[in-house]
Amino acid sequence: LQELDLFVKHKKCKFKVKDIDFLGMIIGQNRIRMDPKKVQAILEWPESTCIKGARAFLGLGNFY
């Protein structure tokens, strides 16, 4: 990292962990899965009654 002038903050780093939360996904040994909190939010998403709301939900769906 030093050769490329990249720096890390120790308090933001995690070492020797089995799973890590990254961009709404939980990345672990040999698998990637969705965060259960995000899944629950999708399941509880209110039914859209307008185009703007439908677009918001489709945008969320495209991410996952």
PDB file of N, CA and C in Angstrom:
ATOM      1  N   LEU A   1       0.826  -1.198   0.000  1.00  0.00           N
ATOM      2  CA  LEU A   1       0.000   0.000   0.000  1.00  0.00           C
ATOM      3  C   LEU A   1       0.866   1.256   0.000  1.00  0.00           C
ATOM      4  N   GLN A   2       1.961   1.211   0.751  1.00  0.00           N
ATOM      5  CA  GLN A   2       2.816   2.393   0.837  1.00  0.00           C
ATOM      6  C   GLN A   2       3.446   2.737  -0.509  1.00  0.00           C
ATOM      7  N   GLU A   3       3.777   1.708  -1.300  1.00  0.00           N
ATOM      8  CA  GLU A   3       4.372   1.961  -2.611  1.00  0.00           C
ATOM      9  C   GLU A   3       3.424   2.731  -3.524  1.00  0.00           C
ATOM     10  N   LEU A   4       2.136   2.563  -3.310  1.00  0.00           N
ATOM     11  CA  LEU A   4       1.125   3.250  -4.117  1.00  0.00           C
ATOM     12  C   LEU A   4       0.569   4.487  -3.421  1.00  0.00           C
ATOM     13  N   ASP A   5       1.179   4.856  -2.306  1.00  0.00           N
ATOM     14  CA  ASP A   5       0.742   6.007  -1.504  1.00  0.00           C
ATOM     15  C   ASP A   5      -0.708   5.879  -1.054  1.00  0.00           C
ATOM     16  N   LEU A   6      -1.098   4.668  -0.671  1.00  0.00           N
ATOM     17  CA  LEU A   6      -2.432   4.420  -0.129  1.00  0.00           C
ATOM     18  C   LEU A   6      -2.329   4.271   1.382  1.00  0.00           C
ATOM     19  N   PHE A   7      -3.301   4.801   2.080  1.00  0.00           N
ATOM     20  CA  PHE A   7      -3.280   4.770   3.536  1.00  0.00           C
ATOM     21  C   PHE A   7      -4.595   4.204   4.058  1.00  0.00           C
ATOM     22  N   VAL A   8      -4.532   3.553   5.200  1.00  0.00           N
ATOM     23  CA  VAL A   8      -5.727   3.023   5.849  1.00  0.00           C
ATOM     24  C   VAL A   8      -5.761   3.502   7.291  1.00  0.00           C
ATOM     25  N   LYS A   9      -6.964   3.633   7.813  1.00  0.00           N
ATOM     26  CA  LYS A   9      -7.133   3.981   9.222  1.00  0.00           C
ATOM     27  C   LYS A   9      -7.414   2.702   9.991  1.00  0.00           C
ATOM     28  N   HIS A  10      -6.619   2.449  11.003  1.00  0.00           N
ATOM     29  CA  HIS A  10      -6.743   1.203  11.758  1.00  0.00           C
ATOM     30  C   HIS A  10      -8.132   1.020  12.359  1.00  0.00           C
ATOM     31  N   LYS A  11      -8.751   2.101  12.826  1.00  0.00           N
ATOM     32  CA  LYS A  11     -10.067   1.951  13.458  1.00  0.00           C
ATOM     33  C   LYS A  11     -11.161   1.609  12.441  1.00  0.00           C
ATOM     34  N   LYS A  12     -10.895   1.816  11.143  1.00  0.00           N
ATOM     35  CA  LYS A  12     -11.858   1.455  10.109  1.00  0.00           C
ATOM     36  C   LYS A  12     -11.608   0.063   9.538  1.00  0.00           C
ATOM     37  N   CYS A  13     -10.537  -0.571   9.945  1.00  0.00           N
ATOM     38  CA  CYS A  13     -10.163  -1.886   9.415  1.00  0.00           C
ATOM     39  C   CYS A  13     -10.666  -3.005  10.316  1.00  0.00           C
ATOM     40  N   LYS A  14     -10.928  -4.143   9.697  1.00  0.00           N
ATOM     41  CA  LYS A  14     -11.316  -5.344  10.431  1.00  0.00           C
ATOM     42  C   LYS A  14     -10.424  -6.479   9.955  1.00  0.00           C
ATOM     43  N   PHE A  15      -9.865  -7.194  10.902  1.00  0.00           N
ATOM     44  CA  PHE A  15      -8.985  -8.303  10.576  1.00  0.00           C
ATOM     45  C   PHE A  15      -9.493  -9.574  11.234  1.00  0.00           C
ATOM     46  N   LYS A  16      -9.241 -10.701  10.598  1.00  0.00           N
ATOM     47  CA  LYS A  16      -9.598 -12.019  11.120  1.00  0.00           C
ATOM     48  C   LYS A  16     -11.092 -12.152  11.410  1.00  0.00           C
ATOM     49  N   VAL A  17     -11.918 -11.678  10.493  1.00  0.00           N
ATOM     50  CA  VAL A  17     -13.364 -11.827  10.634  1.00  0.00           C
ATOM     51  C   VAL A  17     -13.858 -12.838   9.595  1.00  0.00           C
ATOM     52  N   LYS A  18     -14.928 -13.538   9.917  1.00  0.00           N
ATOM     53  CA  LYS A  18     -15.476 -14.534   8.993  1.00  0.00           C
ATOM     54  C   LYS A  18     -16.351 -13.893   7.927  1.00  0.00           C
ATOM     55  N   ASP A  19     -17.092 -12.862   8.302  1.00  0.00           N
ATOM     56  CA  ASP A  19     -17.995 -12.174   7.374  1.00  0.00           C
ATOM     57  C   ASP A  19     -17.764 -10.678   7.472  1.00  0.00           C
ATOM     58  N   ILE A  20     -18.010  -9.987   6.358  1.00  0.00           N
ATOM     59  CA  ILE A  20     -17.899  -8.531   6.357  1.00  0.00           C
ATOM     60  C   ILE A  20     -19.084  -7.956   5.582  1.00  0.00           C
ATOM     61  N   ASP A  21     -19.600  -6.852   6.060  1.00  0.00           N
ATOM     62  CA  ASP A  21     -20.707  -6.134   5.441  1.00  0.00           C
ATOM     63  C   ASP A  21     -20.128  -5.181   4.397  1.00  0.00           C
ATOM     64  N   PHE A  22     -20.567  -5.290   3.140  1.00  0.00           N
ATOM     65  CA  PHE A  22     -20.032  -4.427   2.092  1.00  0.00           C
ATOM     66  C   PHE A  22     -21.118  -4.152   1.062  1.00  0.00           C
ATOM     67  N   LEU A  23     -21.511  -2.899   0.932  1.00  0.00           N
ATOM     68  CA  LEU A  23     -22.503  -2.460  -0.053  1.00  0.00           C
ATOM     69  C   LEU A  23     -23.809  -3.245   0.009  1.00  0.00           C
ATOM     70  N   GLY A  24     -24.276  -3.493   1.216  1.00  0.00           N
ATOM     71  CA  GLY A  24     -25.550  -4.184   1.381  1.00  0.00           C
ATOM     72  C   GLY A  24     -25.475  -5.684   1.212  1.00  0.00           C
ATOM     73  N   MET A  25     -24.276  -6.209   1.073  1.00  0.00           N
ATOM     74  CA  MET A  25     -24.068  -7.652   0.957  1.00  0.00           C
ATOM     75  C   MET A  25     -23.210  -8.121   2.126  1.00  0.00           C
ATOM     76  N   ILE A  26     -23.353  -9.375   2.479  1.00  0.00           N
ATOM     77  CA  ILE A  26     -22.496  -9.971   3.492  1.00  0.00           C
ATOM     78  C   ILE A  26     -21.584 -10.940   2.763  1.00  0.00           C
ATOM     79  N   ILE A  27     -20.300 -10.641   2.807  1.00  0.00           N
ATOM     80  CA  ILE A  27     -19.315 -11.440   2.097  1.00  0.00           C
ATOM     81  C   ILE A  27     -18.606 -12.319   3.106  1.00  0.00           C
ATOM     82  N   GLY A  28     -18.634 -13.611   2.869  1.00  0.00           N
ATOM     83  CA  GLY A  28     -18.008 -14.570   3.764  1.00  0.00           C
ATOM     84  C   GLY A  28     -17.176 -15.562   2.986  1.00  0.00           C
ATOM     85  N   GLN A  29     -16.755 -16.582   3.665  1.00  0.00           N
ATOM     86  CA  GLN A  29     -15.930 -17.600   3.029  1.00  0.00           C
ATOM     87  C   GLN A  29     -16.755 -18.354   1.990  1.00  0.00           C
ATOM     88  N   ASN A  30     -16.353 -18.245   0.749  1.00  0.00           N
ATOM     89  CA  ASN A  30     -16.955 -18.966  -0.375  1.00  0.00           C
ATOM     90  C   ASN A  30     -18.412 -18.619  -0.650  1.00  0.00           C
ATOM     91  N   ARG A  31     -18.908 -17.479  -0.167  1.00  0.00           N
ATOM     92  CA  ARG A  31     -20.283 -17.111  -0.500  1.00  0.00           C
ATOM     93  C   ARG A  31     -20.529 -15.621  -0.293  1.00  0.00           C
ATOM     94  N   ILE A  32     -21.514 -15.128  -1.029  1.00  0.00           N
ATOM     95  CA  ILE A  32     -21.977 -13.748  -0.901  1.00  0.00           C
ATOM     96  C   ILE A  32     -23.484 -13.825  -0.751  1.00  0.00           C
ATOM     97  N   ARG A  33     -24.016 -13.124   0.256  1.00  0.00           N
ATOM     98  CA  ARG A  33     -25.463 -13.151   0.467  1.00  0.00           C
ATOM     99  C   ARG A  33     -25.957 -11.751   0.795  1.00  0.00           C
ATOM    100  N   MET A  34     -27.252 -11.576   0.621  1.00  0.00           N
ATOM    101  CA  MET A  34     -27.849 -10.273   0.918  1.00  0.00           C
ATOM    102  C   MET A  34     -27.957 -10.083   2.423  1.00  0.00           C
ATOM    103  N   ASP A  35     -27.838  -8.850   2.856  1.00  0.00           N
ATOM    104  CA  ASP A  35     -28.014  -8.504   4.262  1.00  0.00           C
ATOM    105  C   ASP A  35     -29.480  -8.732   4.631  1.00  0.00           C
ATOM    106  N   PRO A  36     -29.753  -9.507   5.684  1.00  0.00           N
ATOM    107  CA  PRO A  36     -31.149  -9.763   6.074  1.00  0.00           C
ATOM    108  C   PRO A  36     -31.950  -8.488   6.341  1.00  0.00           C
ATOM    109  N   LYS A  37     -31.298  -7.437   6.799  1.00  0.00           N
ATOM    110  CA  LYS A  37     -31.996  -6.162   7.028  1.00  0.00           C
ATOM    111  C   LYS A  37     -32.497  -5.585   5.704  1.00  0.00           C
ATOM    112  N   LYS A  38     -31.685  -5.703   4.664  1.00  0.00           N
ATOM    113  CA  LYS A  38     -32.086  -5.202   3.345  1.00  0.00           C
ATOM    114  C   LYS A  38     -33.229  -6.035   2.773  1.00  0.00           C
ATOM    115  N   VAL A  39     -33.154  -7.351   2.963  1.00  0.00           N
ATOM    116  CA  VAL A  39     -34.222  -8.233   2.486  1.00  0.00           C
ATOM    117  C   VAL A  39     -35.535  -7.866   3.166  1.00  0.00           C
ATOM    118  N   GLN A  40     -35.491  -7.639   4.470  1.00  0.00           N
ATOM    119  CA  GLN A  40     -36.697  -7.284   5.216  1.00  0.00           C
ATOM    120  C   GLN A  40     -37.262  -5.950   4.736  1.00  0.00           C
ATOM    121  N   ALA A  41     -36.376  -4.993   4.446  1.00  0.00           N
ATOM    122  CA  ALA A  41     -36.832  -3.693   3.941  1.00  0.00           C
ATOM    123  C   ALA A  41     -37.543  -3.845   2.597  1.00  0.00           C
ATOM    124  N   ILE A  42     -37.044  -4.721   1.743  1.00  0.00           N
ATOM    125  CA  ILE A  42     -37.681  -4.957   0.443  1.00  0.00           C
ATOM    126  C   ILE A  42     -39.048  -5.605   0.635  1.00  0.00           C
ATOM    127  N   LEU A  43     -39.117  -6.579   1.540  1.00  0.00           N
ATOM    128  CA  LEU A  43     -40.387  -7.262   1.783  1.00  0.00           C
ATOM    129  C   LEU A  43     -41.446  -6.326   2.367  1.00  0.00           C
ATOM    130  N   GLU A  44     -41.010  -5.334   3.133  1.00  0.00           N
ATOM    131  CA  GLU A  44     -41.938  -4.403   3.775  1.00  0.00           C
ATOM    132  C   GLU A  44     -42.166  -3.137   2.953  1.00  0.00           C
ATOM    133  N   TRP A  45     -41.594  -3.056   1.760  1.00  0.00           N
ATOM    134  CA  TRP A  45     -41.734  -1.873   0.914  1.00  0.00           C
ATOM    135  C   TRP A  45     -43.215  -1.661   0.612  1.00  0.00           C
ATOM    136  N   PRO A  46     -43.743  -0.457   0.821  1.00  0.00           N
ATOM    137  CA  PRO A  46     -45.171  -0.221   0.567  1.00  0.00           C
ATOM    138  C   PRO A  46     -45.490  -0.291  -0.929  1.00  0.00           C
ATOM    139  N   GLU A  47     -46.687  -0.722  -1.233  1.00  0.00           N
ATOM    140  CA  GLU A  47     -47.113  -0.817  -2.626  1.00  0.00           C
ATOM    141  C   GLU A  47     -47.188   0.577  -3.223  1.00  0.00           C
ATOM    142  N   SER A  48     -46.623   0.726  -4.383  1.00  0.00           N
ATOM    143  CA  SER A  48     -46.569   2.028  -5.031  1.00  0.00           C
ATOM    144  C   SER A  48     -47.907   2.368  -5.688  1.00  0.00           C
ATOM    145  N   THR A  49     -48.278   3.643  -5.594  1.00  0.00           N
ATOM    146  CA  THR A  49     -49.505   4.115  -6.240  1.00  0.00           C
ATOM    147  C   THR A  49     -49.207   5.174  -7.298  1.00  0.00           C
ATOM    148  N   CYS A  50     -47.911   5.416  -7.540  1.00  0.00           N
ATOM    149  CA  CYS A  50     -47.543   6.414  -8.544  1.00  0.00           C
ATOM    150  C   CYS A  50     -46.309   5.936  -9.312  1.00  0.00           C
ATOM    151  N   ILE A  51     -46.035   6.581 -10.408  1.00  0.00           N
ATOM    152  CA  ILE A  51     -44.903   6.201 -11.253  1.00  0.00           C
ATOM    153  C   ILE A  51     -43.583   6.421 -10.521  1.00  0.00           C
ATOM    154  N   LYS A  52     -43.479   7.519  -9.791  1.00  0.00           N
ATOM    155  CA  LYS A  52     -42.232   7.819  -9.077  1.00  0.00           C
ATOM    156  C   LYS A  52     -41.903   6.713  -8.066  1.00  0.00           C
ATOM    157  N   GLY A  53     -42.889   6.251  -7.345  1.00  0.00           N
ATOM    158  CA  GLY A  53     -42.680   5.180  -6.375  1.00  0.00           C
ATOM    159  C   GLY A  53     -42.305   3.866  -7.038  1.00  0.00           C
ATOM    160  N   ALA A  54     -42.938   3.588  -8.182  1.00  0.00           N
ATOM    161  CA  ALA A  54     -42.614   2.365  -8.926  1.00  0.00           C
ATOM    162  C   ALA A  54     -41.183   2.413  -9.440  1.00  0.00           C
ATOM    163  N   ARG A  55     -40.761   3.573  -9.910  1.00  0.00           N
ATOM    164  CA  ARG A  55     -39.380   3.722 -10.386  1.00  0.00           C
ATOM    165  C   ARG A  55     -38.387   3.539  -9.246  1.00  0.00           C
ATOM    166  N   ALA A  56     -38.717   4.046  -8.076  1.00  0.00           N
ATOM    167  CA  ALA A  56     -37.834   3.886  -6.916  1.00  0.00           C
ATOM    168  C   ALA A  56     -37.671   2.412  -6.568  1.00  0.00           C
ATOM    169  N   PHE A  57     -38.765   1.676  -6.584  1.00  0.00           N
ATOM    170  CA  PHE A  57     -38.691   0.248  -6.266  1.00  0.00           C
ATOM    171  C   PHE A  57     -37.917  -0.516  -7.339  1.00  0.00           C
ATOM    172  N   LEU A  58     -38.137  -0.186  -8.604  1.00  0.00           N
ATOM    173  CA  LEU A  58     -37.400  -0.845  -9.682  1.00  0.00           C
ATOM    174  C   LEU A  58     -35.910  -0.538  -9.601  1.00  0.00           C
ATOM    175  N   GLY A  59     -35.566   0.679  -9.210  1.00  0.00           N
ATOM    176  CA  GLY A  59     -34.159   1.028  -9.025  1.00  0.00           C
ATOM    177  C   GLY A  59     -33.526   0.195  -7.931  1.00  0.00           C
ATOM    178  N   LEU A  60     -34.261  -0.003  -6.855  1.00  0.00           N
ATOM    179  CA  LEU A  60     -33.781  -0.849  -5.766  1.00  0.00           C
ATOM    180  C   LEU A  60     -33.633  -2.289  -6.247  1.00  0.00           C
ATOM    181  N   GLY A  61     -34.612  -2.756  -7.003  1.00  0.00           N
ATOM    182  CA  GLY A  61     -34.555  -4.121  -7.524  1.00  0.00           C
ATOM    183  C   GLY A  61     -33.395  -4.335  -8.480  1.00  0.00           C
ATOM    184  N   ASN A  62     -33.066  -3.328  -9.268  1.00  0.00           N
ATOM    185  CA  ASN A  62     -31.939  -3.449 -10.192  1.00  0.00           C
ATOM    186  C   ASN A  62     -30.614  -3.574  -9.459  1.00  0.00           C
ATOM    187  N   PHE A  63     -30.520  -2.994  -8.277  1.00  0.00           N
ATOM    188  CA  PHE A  63     -29.282  -3.102  -7.502  1.00  0.00           C
ATOM    189  C   PHE A  63     -29.075  -4.524  -7.031  1.00  0.00           C
ATOM    190  N   TYR A  64     -30.156  -5.169  -6.608  1.00  0.00           N
ATOM    191  CA  TYR A  64     -30.037  -6.528  -6.090  1.00  0.00           C
ATOM    192  C   TYR A  64     -30.363  -7.515  -7.167  1.00  0.00           C
TER     193      TYR A  64
END
